[in-house]
C-alpha atoms as a PDB file:
ATOM      1  CA  UNK A   1      13.001   3.623  -4.165  1.00  0.00           C
ATOM      2  CA  UNK A   2       9.357   2.511  -4.229  1.00  0.00           C
ATOM      3  CA  UNK A   3       6.906   4.388  -2.069  1.00  0.00           C
ATOM      4  CA  UNK A   4       3.723   2.719  -0.898  1.00  0.00           C
ATOM      5  CA  UNK A   5       0.741   4.737   0.288  1.00  0.00           C
ATOM      6  CA  UNK A   6      -2.065   2.963   2.115  1.00  0.00           C
ATOM      7  CA  UNK A   7      -5.235   5.027   2.349  1.00  0.00           C
ATOM      8  CA  UNK A   8      -7.795   3.712   4.804  1.00  0.00           C
ATOM      9  CA  UNK A   9     -10.890   4.846   6.587  1.00  0.00           C
ATOM     10  CA  UNK A  10     -10.876   5.337  10.342  1.00  0.00           C
ATOM     11  CA  UNK A  11     -13.147   2.346  10.934  1.00  0.00           C
ATOM     12  CA  UNK A  12     -10.475   0.050   9.472  1.00  0.00           C
ATOM     13  CA  UNK A  13      -7.764   1.584  11.638  1.00  0.00           C
ATOM     14  CA  UNK A  14      -9.962   1.182  14.707  1.00  0.00           C
ATOM     15  CA  UNK A  15     -10.519  -2.529  14.024  1.00  0.00           C
ATOM     16  CA  UNK A  16      -6.968  -3.716  13.486  1.00  0.00           C
ATOM     17  CA  UNK A  17      -3.360  -2.594  13.775  1.00  0.00           C
ATOM     18  CA  UNK A  18      -2.169  -0.572  10.806  1.00  0.00           C
ATOM     19  CA  UNK A  19       1.435  -1.844  10.849  1.00  0.00           C
ATOM     20  CA  UNK A  20       0.599  -5.157   9.099  1.00  0.00           C
ATOM     21  CA  UNK A  21      -1.182  -3.220   6.338  1.00  0.00           C
ATOM     22  CA  UNK A  22       2.067  -1.359   5.748  1.00  0.00           C
ATOM     23  CA  UNK A  23       4.389  -4.319   6.178  1.00  0.00           C
ATOM     24  CA  UNK A  24       2.560  -6.697   3.808  1.00  0.00           C
ATOM     25  CA  UNK A  25       3.136  -4.779   0.556  1.00  0.00           C
ATOM     26  CA  UNK A  26       6.705  -3.922   1.581  1.00  0.00           C
ATOM     27  CA  UNK A  27       7.511  -7.583   2.162  1.00  0.00           C
ATOM     28  CA  UNK A  28       5.768  -8.649  -1.062  1.00  0.00           C
ATOM     29  CA  UNK A  29       7.669  -6.166  -3.202  1.00  0.00           C
ATOM     30  CA  UNK A  30      10.975  -7.072  -1.594  1.00  0.00           C
ATOM     31  CA  UNK A  31      10.301 -10.798  -2.021  1.00  0.00           C
ATOM     32  CA  UNK A  32       9.598 -10.499  -5.759  1.00  0.00           C
ATOM     33  CA  UNK A  33      12.620  -8.281  -6.504  1.00  0.00           C
ATOM     34  CA  UNK A  34      15.096  -8.269  -3.581  1.00  0.00           C
ATOM     35  CA  UNK A  35      18.043  -7.043  -5.634  1.00  0.00           C
ATOM     36  CA  UNK A  36      16.164  -4.138  -7.180  1.00  0.00           C
ATOM     37  CA  UNK A  37      14.221  -3.268  -4.004  1.00  0.00           C
ATOM     38  CA  UNK A  38      16.193  -3.892  -0.815  1.00  0.00           C
ATOM     39  CA  UNK A  39      14.263  -3.480   2.426  1.00  0.00           C
ATOM     40  CA  UNK A  40      16.358  -0.443   3.318  1.00  0.00           C
ATOM     41  CA  UNK A  41      14.969   1.385   0.283  1.00  0.00           C
ATOM     42  CA  UNK A  42      11.263   0.625   0.643  1.00  0.00           C
ATOM     43  CA  UNK A  43       8.936   3.132   2.289  1.00  0.00           C
ATOM     44  CA  UNK A  44       5.288   2.838   3.288  1.00  0.00           C
ATOM     45  CA  UNK A  45       2.899   5.290   4.891  1.00  0.00           C
ATOM     46  CA  UNK A  46      -0.689   5.153   6.085  1.00  0.00           C
ATOM     47  CA  UNK A  47      -3.137   7.961   5.510  1.00  0.00           C
ATOM     48  CA  UNK A  48      -6.171   7.518   7.746  1.00  0.00           C
ATOM     49  CA  UNK A  49      -9.311   9.367   6.772  1.00  0.00           C
ATOM     50  CA  UNK A  50     -11.727  10.461   9.455  1.00  0.00           C
ATOM     51  CA  UNK A  51     -14.200  11.603   6.807  1.00  0.00           C
ATOM     52  CA  UNK A  52     -15.492   9.427   3.961  1.00  0.00           C
ATOM     53  CA  UNK A  53     -18.690   8.699   2.161  1.00  0.00           C
ATOM     54  CA  UNK A  54     -19.748   5.425   0.587  1.00  0.00           C
ATOM     55  CA  UNK A  55     -22.198   5.589  -2.310  1.00  0.00           C
ATOM     56  CA  UNK A  56     -24.905   3.764  -0.367  1.00  0.00           C
ATOM     57  CA  UNK A  57     -24.494   6.131   2.601  1.00  0.00           C
ATOM     58  CA  UNK A  58     -23.666   3.343   5.052  1.00  0.00           C
ATOM     59  CA  UNK A  59     -21.024   4.699   7.483  1.00  0.00           C
ATOM     60  CA  UNK A  60     -20.027   1.126   8.380  1.00  0.00           C
ATOM     61  CA  UNK A  61     -18.519   0.583   4.932  1.00  0.00           C
ATOM     62  CA  UNK A  62     -14.742   0.634   5.007  1.00  0.00           C
ATOM     63  CA  UNK A  63     -12.125   1.432   2.394  1.00  0.00           C
ATOM     64  CA  UNK A  64      -8.519   0.385   1.891  1.00  0.00           C
ATOM     65  CA  UNK A  65      -6.716   1.741  -1.168  1.00  0.00           C
ATOM     66  CA  UNK A  66      -3.045   1.010  -1.864  1.00  0.00           C
ATOM     67  CA  UNK A  67      -0.867   2.978  -4.286  1.00  0.00           C
ATOM     68  CA  UNK A  68       2.633   2.072  -5.387  1.00  0.00           C
ATOM     69  CA  UNK A  69       4.899   4.721  -6.865  1.00  0.00           C
ATOM     70  CA  UNK A  70       7.978   3.774  -8.887  1.00  0.00           C
ATOM     71  CA  UNK A  71      10.313   6.195 -10.602  1.00  0.00           C
ATOM     72  CA  UNK A  72      10.220   6.285 -14.379  1.00  0.00           C
ATOM     73  CA  UNK A  73      12.590   4.095 -16.332  1.00  0.00           C
ATOM     74  CA  UNK A  74      12.007   0.800 -14.533  1.00  0.00           C
ATOM     75  CA  UNK A  75      11.901  -2.289 -16.729  1.00  0.00           C
ATOM     76  CA  UNK A  76       8.331  -3.163 -17.773  1.00  0.00           C
ATOM     77  CA  UNK A  77       8.781  -6.776 -16.689  1.00  0.00           C
ATOM     78  CA  UNK A  78       9.923  -5.683 -13.246  1.00  0.00           C
ATOM     79  CA  UNK A  79       6.948  -3.335 -12.907  1.00  0.00           C
ATOM     80  CA  UNK A  80       4.591  -6.154 -13.873  1.00  0.00           C
ATOM     81  CA  UNK A  81       6.125  -8.543 -11.303  1.00  0.00           C
ATOM     82  CA  UNK A  82       5.831  -5.900  -8.586  1.00  0.00           C
ATOM     83  CA  UNK A  83       2.231  -5.070  -9.525  1.00  0.00           C
ATOM     84  CA  UNK A  84       1.288  -8.742  -9.301  1.00  0.00           C
ATOM     85  CA  UNK A  85       3.080  -9.325  -5.977  1.00  0.00           C
END
């Protein structure tokens, strides 16, 4: 079962709903491999950071970082398709 973690800064979460940020990768992964990854087995979570620092010091800069975790043993071709989805 793939797990998707979406890390974002508070200023992103304050600008737009978070649900679409979670739904988009779930739908993409399911669409590229529906048999291997049924919707009932996909999970996504948002981690919203109230504290962050951008290298230039501008607090208006925002960050979205998405991680996908798959268990070991998945076919390399499948992993590549999912990564490109």
